[in-house]
Amino acid sequence: MSGAQEQLSFAQTRALMRSDFERLVGWYGGGSLPQRVFWYFQPNYQALFFYRLYRWLFVKGWKNSARLLFLYSLYATGVEISPTTSIGAACLLEHAFGIILCGRIGARCSFAGQCGTGGGIGEGDIGGGPGLPVVGDDVRFGPKALVLGPIRIGSRVAIGASAIVTVEVPDDSEVLPLPSKIIRVKMGRAESAP
């Protein structure tokens, strides 16, 4: 659904910001007022805060203002979330740097560092935008995990570290990359473990 077709009030935007922040506080295990103020200014929350603002601007038709705030957020936080991206409530960026998000993302999704969603593989629009994925609710992305192309990722899916997903994934699944090879270092030379 394009930004022009979606309805998004500022009250809904504030509610989404609160849900993101409360999810972050819960992830840290709660905290005192000084801790909450500290977490509020961390890049992982600030990236979502600015995203919610420029997404609202984009949906309202103020696209140039949205793009300007998007650029500021990108430079300030190291997180790239396109203004065309739709993200559900209670999103969590565990480690902000290097996250890139495009498409349609459900509620309560978690993203570790240097992971993301995007296009570039295949064409068509399945609801996330041209060539972009649709991600269900309660999906967890491990570090450096990528979902690419016009595919659907079901709800309650765990995508392991460094996995590159280019095919549809059903609900309640786990996606892992190829297993790593264990190397032992013995007397200065590397040997493959059995």
Foldseek 3Di string as FASTA:
>chain_A
DFLQPDDDDVVNLVVQLVQQLVLVCVVVPHDDPVVSVVVCPALFSVLSNLLSVLLNCVSVPVNVVSVVSQVVNCVVRQEHEDSREAEEGHEGEPRGHQEHEAFYYYYPEYEYANEYWEAPPDFDAPRGDTFTDHEYACEYEEANEYEYTHEYEEYNEYEYHNHYHDYHHYYPYYHYDPDDWDWDQDPNDIDGDD
